Amino acid sequence: MLAAERHERIMTALRSDGAVRVVELAEKLGVSEMTIRRDLDVLDEREALRKVHGGAIARGNRGVEPSSTAKAARQHAEKVAIARAAVALVEDGMTIAISAGTTTLEFARLLLGRPSLTVVTNSISIFSELTAHTDGSDPTVYLTGGSRTPSDALVGPIANATLDTFRVDAVFLGVHGFDIDSGLTSPNIAEAETNRRLIATGRRLFVLADNTKYREVGTAVFAQIAAVDTLVVDDGLDEPSRAELTRHVSRIVVANAVSP
């Protein structure tokens, strides 16, 4: 199979799934993993995709916001590992704020059965997850109002005004992208403003982000990287990138992900 044909098939798979893995592509195209890695290097240089640990993801425009369903299917093992590492940082009796997002939803699921916690969130999915039982065994949860985005966040003036009335011990935030120069970003300007208000409610900021979010830059900046107290990321983030980030982030927690 010619390189051009492989490249086209790789891009077709990427357009269909939003992400591709080296192992699966090698098996599907009948070539070595080394060949696939070289193909991904070429396509990354052409800015046709963005190479990440173990594969590649689609390179979208900065203002494009994928749906929560589309995002949930990507890096699922990594998101679960991040959630497990992050929940170990939550102490009984805390009041925390949780932003909308697929990684933060995995995190919220692990808070079930902890009634001493109080949670403020702008995510309908997280609110539903934490209030499914009525026996008093789960956290107390407050949901902001607002307009719903494709990423399942409630944003806008109503959400912002609600958040201004809260003060919490810690904020657990999911992000579209994080970058040393550009900071924390979102493709949605209204969501960026709501995230800014969410961050302002807390004494400490915990960012939960898988390795594909590093160097991803959305349209709107809502915080600088130095604002992050703790970054919880999976082990797909390479050592040079971690070393780079340690000069800007107070603490990095690396979660060990076992990919399927």
C-alpha atoms as a PDB file:
ATOM      1  CA  MET A   1       0.000   0.000   0.000  1.00  0.00           C
ATOM      2  CA  LEU A   2       1.368   3.401  -1.008  1.00  0.00           C
ATOM      3  CA  ALA A   3       1.973   6.070   1.646  1.00  0.00           C
ATOM      4  CA  ALA A   4      -0.616   8.390   0.078  1.00  0.00           C
ATOM      5  CA  GLU A   5      -3.273   5.673   0.339  1.00  0.00           C
ATOM      6  CA  ARG A   6      -2.378   5.006   3.993  1.00  0.00           C
ATOM      7  CA  HIS A   7      -2.593   8.711   4.741  1.00  0.00           C
ATOM      8  CA  GLU A   8      -6.051   8.927   3.201  1.00  0.00           C
ATOM      9  CA  ARG A   9      -7.285   5.931   5.177  1.00  0.00           C
ATOM     10  CA  ILE A  10      -5.827   7.359   8.383  1.00  0.00           C
ATOM     11  CA  MET A  11      -7.615  10.663   7.785  1.00  0.00           C
ATOM     12  CA  THR A  12     -10.874   8.849   6.985  1.00  0.00           C
ATOM     13  CA  ALA A  13     -10.655   6.975  10.305  1.00  0.00           C
ATOM     14  CA  LEU A  14      -9.842  10.222  12.102  1.00  0.00           C
ATOM     15  CA  ARG A  15     -12.818  12.056  10.590  1.00  0.00           C
ATOM     16  CA  SER A  16     -15.062   9.180  11.647  1.00  0.00           C
ATOM     17  CA  ASP A  17     -13.836   8.699  15.227  1.00  0.00           C
ATOM     18  CA  GLY A  18     -12.068  11.942  16.145  1.00  0.00           C
ATOM     19  CA  ALA A  19      -9.020   9.963  17.305  1.00  0.00           C
ATOM     20  CA  VAL A  20      -6.895   7.034  16.102  1.00  0.00           C
ATOM     21  CA  ARG A  21      -4.464   4.658  17.805  1.00  0.00           C
ATOM     22  CA  VAL A  22      -1.176   3.410  16.345  1.00  0.00           C
ATOM     23  CA  VAL A  23      -1.811  -0.234  17.287  1.00  0.00           C
ATOM     24  CA  GLU A  24      -5.257  -0.314  15.683  1.00  0.00           C
ATOM     25  CA  LEU A  25      -4.100   1.444  12.511  1.00  0.00           C
ATOM     26  CA  ALA A  26      -1.153  -0.930  12.089  1.00  0.00           C
ATOM     27  CA  GLU A  27      -3.443  -3.947  12.356  1.00  0.00           C
ATOM     28  CA  LYS A  28      -6.093  -2.453  10.093  1.00  0.00           C
ATOM     29  CA  LEU A  29      -3.653  -1.381   7.354  1.00  0.00           C
ATOM     30  CA  GLY A  30      -1.363  -4.402   7.625  1.00  0.00           C
ATOM     31  CA  VAL A  31       1.846  -2.466   8.302  1.00  0.00           C
ATOM     32  CA  SER A  32       4.217  -2.045  11.231  1.00  0.00           C
ATOM     33  CA  GLU A  33       3.598   0.357  14.089  1.00  0.00           C
ATOM     34  CA  MET A  34       6.810   2.166  13.114  1.00  0.00           C
ATOM     35  CA  THR A  35       5.357   2.835   9.651  1.00  0.00           C
ATOM     36  CA  ILE A  36       2.185   4.249  11.176  1.00  0.00           C
ATOM     37  CA  ARG A  37       4.210   6.494  13.510  1.00  0.00           C
ATOM     38  CA  ARG A  38       6.121   7.859  10.509  1.00  0.00           C
ATOM     39  CA  ASP A  39       2.824   8.453   8.697  1.00  0.00           C
ATOM     40  CA  LEU A  40       1.472  10.345  11.704  1.00  0.00           C
ATOM     41  CA  ASP A  41       4.659  12.419  11.865  1.00  0.00           C
ATOM     42  CA  VAL A  42       4.171  13.451   8.229  1.00  0.00           C
ATOM     43  CA  LEU A  43       0.494  14.275   8.718  1.00  0.00           C
ATOM     44  CA  ASP A  44       1.265  16.215  11.894  1.00  0.00           C
ATOM     45  CA  GLU A  45       3.882  18.291  10.050  1.00  0.00           C
ATOM     46  CA  ARG A  46       1.234  19.072   7.414  1.00  0.00           C
ATOM     47  CA  GLU A  47      -1.127  20.082  10.278  1.00  0.00           C
ATOM     48  CA  ALA A  48      -3.662  17.522   9.059  1.00  0.00           C
ATOM     49  CA  LEU A  49      -3.862  16.042  12.560  1.00  0.00           C
ATOM     50  CA  ARG A  50      -2.182  16.336  15.957  1.00  0.00           C
ATOM     51  CA  LYS A  51       0.020  13.460  17.083  1.00  0.00           C
ATOM     52  CA  VAL A  52      -0.408  12.425  20.714  1.00  0.00           C
ATOM     53  CA  HIS A  53       0.832   9.565  22.891  1.00  0.00           C
ATOM     54  CA  GLY A  54      -0.209   6.300  21.225  1.00  0.00           C
ATOM     55  CA  GLY A  55      -1.942   7.848  18.238  1.00  0.00           C
ATOM     56  CA  ALA A  56      -3.416  11.087  16.945  1.00  0.00           C
ATOM     57  CA  ILE A  57      -6.443  13.343  17.319  1.00  0.00           C
ATOM     58  CA  ALA A  58      -8.263  15.646  14.935  1.00  0.00           C
ATOM     59  CA  ARG A  59      -6.889  19.157  14.648  1.00  0.00           C
ATOM     60  CA  GLY A  60      -9.987  21.359  14.823  1.00  0.00           C
ATOM     61  CA  ASN A  61     -10.383  25.102  14.474  1.00  0.00           C
ATOM     62  CA  ARG A  62     -10.023  27.051  17.714  1.00  0.00           C
ATOM     63  CA  GLY A  63     -13.686  28.005  17.816  1.00  0.00           C
ATOM     64  CA  VAL A  64     -15.016  24.489  17.229  1.00  0.00           C
ATOM     65  CA  GLU A  65     -16.530  22.840  20.292  1.00  0.00           C
ATOM     66  CA  PRO A  66     -17.109  19.051  20.101  1.00  0.00           C
ATOM     67  CA  SER A  67     -20.244  17.645  21.718  1.00  0.00           C
ATOM     68  CA  SER A  68     -19.963  15.983  25.128  1.00  0.00           C
ATOM     69  CA  THR A  69     -20.877  12.638  23.499  1.00  0.00           C
ATOM     70  CA  ALA A  70     -18.004  12.920  21.031  1.00  0.00           C
ATOM     71  CA  LYS A  71     -15.542  13.899  23.744  1.00  0.00           C
ATOM     72  CA  ALA A  72     -16.641  11.114  26.108  1.00  0.00           C
ATOM     73  CA  ALA A  73     -15.473   8.464  23.640  1.00  0.00           C
ATOM     74  CA  ARG A  74     -11.918   9.844  23.499  1.00  0.00           C
ATOM     75  CA  GLN A  75      -9.133   8.882  25.951  1.00  0.00           C
ATOM     76  CA  HIS A  76     -11.663   7.173  28.230  1.00  0.00           C
ATOM     77  CA  ALA A  77      -9.102   5.059  30.113  1.00  0.00           C
ATOM     78  CA  GLU A  78      -6.985   8.154  30.700  1.00  0.00           C
ATOM     79  CA  LYS A  79      -9.970  10.130  32.005  1.00  0.00           C
ATOM     80  CA  VAL A  80     -10.921   7.364  34.444  1.00  0.00           C
ATOM     81  CA  ALA A  81      -7.334   7.187  35.724  1.00  0.00           C
ATOM     82  CA  ILE A  82      -7.228  10.967  36.179  1.00  0.00           C
ATOM     83  CA  ALA A  83     -10.532  10.882  38.059  1.00  0.00           C
ATOM     84  CA  ARG A  84      -9.216   8.207  40.439  1.00  0.00           C
ATOM     85  CA  ALA A  85      -6.080  10.210  41.151  1.00  0.00           C
ATOM     86  CA  ALA A  86      -8.067  13.419  41.669  1.00  0.00           C
ATOM     87  CA  VAL A  87     -10.639  11.954  44.042  1.00  0.00           C
ATOM     88  CA  ALA A  88      -7.822  11.020  46.433  1.00  0.00           C
ATOM     89  CA  LEU A  89      -7.235  14.774  46.839  1.00  0.00           C
ATOM     90  CA  VAL A  90     -10.765  15.424  48.150  1.00  0.00           C
ATOM     91  CA  GLU A  91     -11.029  15.532  51.929  1.00  0.00           C
ATOM     92  CA  ASP A  92     -14.215  14.828  53.860  1.00  0.00           C
ATOM     93  CA  GLY A  93     -16.129  17.965  54.791  1.00  0.00           C
ATOM     94  CA  MET A  94     -14.903  19.981  51.809  1.00  0.00           C
ATOM     95  CA  THR A  95     -17.057  22.240  49.655  1.00  0.00           C
ATOM     96  CA  ILE A  96     -15.887  21.965  46.058  1.00  0.00           C
ATOM     97  CA  ALA A  97     -16.841  23.361  42.666  1.00  0.00           C
ATOM     98  CA  ILE A  98     -16.754  21.079  39.604  1.00  0.00           C
ATOM     99  CA  SER A  99     -16.871  22.356  36.047  1.00  0.00           C
ATOM    100  CA  ALA A 100     -18.657  20.609  33.207  1.00  0.00           C
ATOM    101  CA  GLY A 101     -16.644  18.115  31.184  1.00  0.00           C
ATOM    102  CA  THR A 102     -16.203  14.433  30.445  1.00  0.00           C
ATOM    103  CA  THR A 103     -13.179  14.036  32.739  1.00  0.00           C
ATOM    104  CA  THR A 104     -14.874  15.889  35.586  1.00  0.00           C
ATOM    105  CA  LEU A 105     -17.954  13.694  35.116  1.00  0.00           C
ATOM    106  CA  GLU A 106     -15.801  10.608  35.729  1.00  0.00           C
ATOM    107  CA  PHE A 107     -14.424  12.377  38.805  1.00  0.00           C
ATOM    108  CA  ALA A 108     -17.913  13.227  40.091  1.00  0.00           C
ATOM    109  CA  ARG A 109     -19.010   9.598  39.835  1.00  0.00           C
ATOM    110  CA  LEU A 110     -16.352   8.696  42.392  1.00  0.00           C
ATOM    111  CA  LEU A 111     -17.816  11.137  44.931  1.00  0.00           C
ATOM    112  CA  LEU A 112     -20.966   9.054  45.388  1.00  0.00           C
ATOM    113  CA  GLY A 113     -21.336   7.774  48.918  1.00  0.00           C
ATOM    114  CA  ARG A 114     -19.595  10.778  50.497  1.00  0.00           C
ATOM    115  CA  PRO A 115     -22.387  12.743  52.215  1.00  0.00           C
ATOM    116  CA  SER A 116     -20.030  15.103  54.039  1.00  0.00           C
ATOM    117  CA  LEU A 117     -19.153  16.846  50.771  1.00  0.00           C
ATOM    118  CA  THR A 118     -20.893  19.848  49.228  1.00  0.00           C
ATOM    119  CA  VAL A 119     -20.627  20.318  45.463  1.00  0.00           C
ATOM    120  CA  VAL A 120     -21.326  23.357  43.281  1.00  0.00           C
ATOM    121  CA  THR A 121     -21.483  22.620  39.548  1.00  0.00           C
ATOM    122  CA  ASN A 122     -22.577  24.085  36.231  1.00  0.00           C
ATOM    123  CA  SER A 123     -23.015  20.633  34.671  1.00  0.00           C
ATOM    124  CA  ILE A 124     -26.433  19.028  34.298  1.00  0.00           C
ATOM    125  CA  SER A 125     -24.766  15.606  33.874  1.00  0.00           C
ATOM    126  CA  ILE A 126     -22.783  15.948  37.099  1.00  0.00           C
ATOM    127  CA  PHE A 127     -25.848  17.197  38.993  1.00  0.00           C
ATOM    128  CA  SER A 128     -27.892  14.227  37.721  1.00  0.00           C
ATOM    129  CA  GLU A 129     -25.127  11.774  38.613  1.00  0.00           C
ATOM    130  CA  LEU A 130     -24.792  13.046  42.173  1.00  0.00           C
ATOM    131  CA  THR A 131     -28.513  13.352  42.895  1.00  0.00           C
ATOM    132  CA  ALA A 132     -29.686  10.009  41.493  1.00  0.00           C
ATOM    133  CA  HIS A 133     -30.216   8.633  45.012  1.00  0.00           C
ATOM    134  CA  THR A 134     -32.461  10.201  47.633  1.00  0.00           C
ATOM    135  CA  ASP A 135     -31.285   8.330  50.734  1.00  0.00           C
ATOM    136  CA  GLY A 136     -28.914  11.070  51.887  1.00  0.00           C
ATOM    137  CA  SER A 137     -25.777   9.002  51.230  1.00  0.00           C
ATOM    138  CA  ASP A 138     -24.335  11.308  48.568  1.00  0.00           C
ATOM    139  CA  PRO A 139     -22.967  14.886  48.509  1.00  0.00           C
ATOM    140  CA  THR A 140     -25.185  17.944  48.764  1.00  0.00           C
ATOM    141  CA  VAL A 141     -25.245  19.491  45.287  1.00  0.00           C
ATOM    142  CA  TYR A 142     -26.046  22.965  43.964  1.00  0.00           C
ATOM    143  CA  LEU A 143     -26.620  23.467  40.225  1.00  0.00           C
ATOM    144  CA  THR A 144     -26.270  26.847  38.550  1.00  0.00           C
ATOM    145  CA  GLY A 145     -28.789  27.947  35.973  1.00  0.00           C
ATOM    146  CA  GLY A 146     -27.731  29.204  32.566  1.00  0.00           C
ATOM    147  CA  SER A 147     -27.653  28.396  28.863  1.00  0.00           C
ATOM    148  CA  ARG A 148     -26.483  24.945  27.828  1.00  0.00           C
ATOM    149  CA  THR A 149     -23.442  24.527  25.549  1.00  0.00           C
ATOM    150  CA  PRO A 150     -22.518  21.541  23.301  1.00  0.00           C
ATOM    151  CA  SER A 151     -20.098  20.448  26.041  1.00  0.00           C
ATOM    152  CA  ASP A 152     -23.011  20.203  28.518  1.00  0.00           C
ATOM    153  CA  ALA A 153     -22.003  23.285  30.514  1.00  0.00           C
ATOM    154  CA  LEU A 154     -24.457  25.841  31.862  1.00  0.00           C
ATOM    155  CA  VAL A 155     -23.017  29.274  31.088  1.00  0.00           C
ATOM    156  CA  GLY A 156     -23.937  32.936  30.739  1.00  0.00           C
ATOM    157  CA  PRO A 157     -25.221  35.677  33.077  1.00  0.00           C
ATOM    158  CA  ILE A 158     -27.413  33.422  35.231  1.00  0.00           C
ATOM    159  CA  ALA A 159     -24.639  30.880  35.789  1.00  0.00           C
ATOM    160  CA  ASN A 160     -22.139  33.646  36.488  1.00  0.00           C
ATOM    161  CA  ALA A 161     -24.394  35.416  38.987  1.00  0.00           C
ATOM    162  CA  THR A 162     -25.019  32.147  40.827  1.00  0.00           C
ATOM    163  CA  LEU A 163     -21.315  31.349  41.063  1.00  0.00           C
ATOM    164  CA  ASP A 164     -20.595  34.806  42.466  1.00  0.00           C
ATOM    165  CA  THR A 165     -22.591  33.845  45.576  1.00  0.00           C
ATOM    166  CA  PHE A 166     -20.388  30.832  46.448  1.00  0.00           C
ATOM    167  CA  ARG A 167     -17.001  30.340  48.061  1.00  0.00           C
ATOM    168  CA  VAL A 168     -15.463  26.858  48.032  1.00  0.00           C
ATOM    169  CA  ASP A 169     -12.368  25.067  49.299  1.00  0.00           C
ATOM    170  CA  ALA A 170     -11.266  23.878  45.864  1.00  0.00           C
ATOM    171  CA  VAL A 171     -12.242  23.995  42.202  1.00  0.00           C
ATOM    172  CA  PHE A 172     -11.900  20.898  40.022  1.00  0.00           C
ATOM    173  CA  LEU A 173     -11.800  22.033  36.429  1.00  0.00           C
ATOM    174  CA  GLY A 174     -11.832  20.292  33.072  1.00  0.00           C
ATOM    175  CA  VAL A 175     -10.357  22.206  30.145  1.00  0.00           C
ATOM    176  CA  HIS A 176     -10.472  22.227  26.353  1.00  0.00           C
ATOM    177  CA  GLY A 177      -6.747  22.927  26.347  1.00  0.00           C
ATOM    178  CA  PHE A 178      -3.823  24.001  28.526  1.00  0.00           C
ATOM    179  CA  ASP A 179      -0.643  25.616  27.300  1.00  0.00           C
ATOM    180  CA  ILE A 180       2.286  27.341  28.980  1.00  0.00           C
ATOM    181  CA  ASP A 181       2.012  30.456  26.823  1.00  0.00           C
ATOM    182  CA  SER A 182      -1.747  30.642  26.223  1.00  0.00           C
ATOM    183  CA  GLY A 183      -2.934  29.266  29.567  1.00  0.00           C
ATOM    184  CA  LEU A 184      -6.314  27.558  30.054  1.00  0.00           C
ATOM    185  CA  THR A 185      -8.648  27.996  27.093  1.00  0.00           C
ATOM    186  CA  SER A 186     -12.093  27.186  25.734  1.00  0.00           C
ATOM    187  CA  PRO A 187     -13.572  27.397  22.215  1.00  0.00           C
ATOM    188  CA  ASN A 188     -16.705  28.920  23.764  1.00  0.00           C
ATOM    189  CA  ILE A 189     -16.377  32.547  24.919  1.00  0.00           C
ATOM    190  CA  ALA A 190     -19.364  32.334  27.271  1.00  0.00           C
ATOM    191  CA  GLU A 191     -18.028  29.149  28.852  1.00  0.00           C
ATOM    192  CA  ALA A 192     -14.646  30.801  29.318  1.00  0.00           C
ATOM    193  CA  GLU A 193     -16.243  33.613  31.329  1.00  0.00           C
ATOM    194  CA  THR A 194     -18.201  31.129  33.448  1.00  0.00           C
ATOM    195  CA  ASN A 195     -15.009  29.131  34.077  1.00  0.00           C
ATOM    196  CA  ARG A 196     -13.344  32.373  35.178  1.00  0.00           C
ATOM    197  CA  ARG A 197     -16.140  32.913  37.739  1.00  0.00           C
ATOM    198  CA  LEU A 198     -15.905  29.272  38.808  1.00  0.00           C
ATOM    199  CA  ILE A 199     -12.168  29.607  39.476  1.00  0.00           C
ATOM    200  CA  ALA A 200     -12.810  32.778  41.504  1.00  0.00           C
ATOM    201  CA  THR A 201     -14.988  30.837  43.961  1.00  0.00           C
ATOM    202  CA  GLY A 202     -12.133  28.652  45.215  1.00  0.00           C
ATOM    203  CA  ARG A 203      -8.985  28.864  47.288  1.00  0.00           C
ATOM    204  CA  ARG A 204      -7.237  26.198  45.204  1.00  0.00           C
ATOM    205  CA  LEU A 205      -7.464  25.200  41.539  1.00  0.00           C
ATOM    206  CA  PHE A 206      -7.139  21.588  40.425  1.00  0.00           C
ATOM    207  CA  VAL A 207      -7.080  21.041  36.650  1.00  0.00           C
ATOM    208  CA  LEU A 208      -8.033  17.584  35.361  1.00  0.00           C
ATOM    209  CA  ALA A 209      -6.803  17.087  31.788  1.00  0.00           C
ATOM    210  CA  ASP A 210      -5.612  14.174  29.670  1.00  0.00           C
ATOM    211  CA  ASN A 211      -2.387  14.409  27.700  1.00  0.00           C
ATOM    212  CA  THR A 212      -4.099  15.352  24.409  1.00  0.00           C
ATOM    213  CA  LYS A 213      -5.164  18.677  25.934  1.00  0.00           C
ATOM    214  CA  TYR A 214      -1.569  19.882  26.306  1.00  0.00           C
ATOM    215  CA  ARG A 215      -0.716  22.623  23.773  1.00  0.00           C
ATOM    216  CA  GLU A 216      -4.343  22.651  22.577  1.00  0.00           C
ATOM    217  CA  VAL A 217      -5.456  26.292  22.373  1.00  0.00           C
ATOM    218  CA  GLY A 218      -9.082  27.423  22.128  1.00  0.00           C
ATOM    219  CA  THR A 219     -10.442  30.845  21.204  1.00  0.00           C
ATOM    220  CA  ALA A 220     -10.894  32.249  24.708  1.00  0.00           C
ATOM    221  CA  VAL A 221      -8.346  32.371  27.541  1.00  0.00           C
ATOM    222  CA  PHE A 222      -9.813  32.236  31.051  1.00  0.00           C
ATOM    223  CA  ALA A 223      -6.728  31.686  33.247  1.00  0.00           C
ATOM    224  CA  GLN A 224      -2.962  31.608  33.041  1.00  0.00           C
ATOM    225  CA  ILE A 225      -1.111  28.367  33.713  1.00  0.00           C
ATOM    226  CA  ALA A 226       0.409  29.839  36.910  1.00  0.00           C
ATOM    227  CA  ALA A 227      -3.098  29.936  38.426  1.00  0.00           C
ATOM    228  CA  VAL A 228      -3.127  26.131  38.582  1.00  0.00           C
ATOM    229  CA  ASP A 229      -2.232  24.748  42.020  1.00  0.00           C
ATOM    230  CA  THR A 230      -2.410  21.091  40.972  1.00  0.00           C
ATOM    231  CA  LEU A 231      -2.495  19.557  37.499  1.00  0.00           C
ATOM    232  CA  VAL A 232      -3.786  15.973  37.340  1.00  0.00           C
ATOM    233  CA  VAL A 233      -2.765  14.396  34.039  1.00  0.00           C
ATOM    234  CA  ASP A 234      -2.265  10.861  32.707  1.00  0.00           C
ATOM    235  CA  ASP A 235       1.108   9.233  32.072  1.00  0.00           C
ATOM    236  CA  GLY A 236       0.680   9.732  28.323  1.00  0.00           C
ATOM    237  CA  LEU A 237       2.166  13.189  28.837  1.00  0.00           C
ATOM    238  CA  ASP A 238       5.854  12.715  28.062  1.00  0.00           C
ATOM    239  CA  GLU A 239       8.683  13.519  30.468  1.00  0.00           C
ATOM    240  CA  PRO A 240       9.958  16.638  28.608  1.00  0.00           C
ATOM    241  CA  SER A 241       6.458  18.153  28.733  1.00  0.00           C
ATOM    242  CA  ARG A 242       6.124  17.372  32.441  1.00  0.00           C
ATOM    243  CA  ALA A 243       9.501  18.947  33.133  1.00  0.00           C
ATOM    244  CA  GLU A 244       8.419  22.004  31.160  1.00  0.00           C
ATOM    245  CA  LEU A 245       5.205  22.306  33.157  1.00  0.00           C
ATOM    246  CA  THR A 246       6.831  21.882  36.568  1.00  0.00           C
ATOM    247  CA  ARG A 247       8.396  25.321  36.129  1.00  0.00           C
ATOM    248  CA  HIS A 248       4.913  26.863  35.960  1.00  0.00           C
ATOM    249  CA  VAL A 249       2.569  24.607  37.981  1.00  0.00           C
ATOM    250  CA  SER A 250       2.994  24.096  41.732  1.00  0.00           C
ATOM    251  CA  ARG A 251       2.185  20.379  41.674  1.00  0.00           C
ATOM    252  CA  ILE A 252       1.670  17.719  39.007  1.00  0.00           C
ATOM    253  CA  VAL A 253      -0.073  14.437  39.818  1.00  0.00           C
ATOM    254  CA  VAL A 254       0.474  11.755  37.160  1.00  0.00           C
ATOM    255  CA  ALA A 255      -2.216   9.075  36.859  1.00  0.00           C
ATOM    256  CA  ASN A 256      -1.286   5.671  35.445  1.00  0.00           C
ATOM    257  CA  ALA A 257      -3.707   4.833  32.637  1.00  0.00           C
ATOM    258  CA  VAL A 258      -4.190   1.356  31.260  1.00  0.00           C
ATOM    259  CA  SER A 259      -5.511   1.717  27.722  1.00  0.00           C
ATOM    260  CA  PRO A 260      -7.845  -0.990  26.380  1.00  0.00           C
END
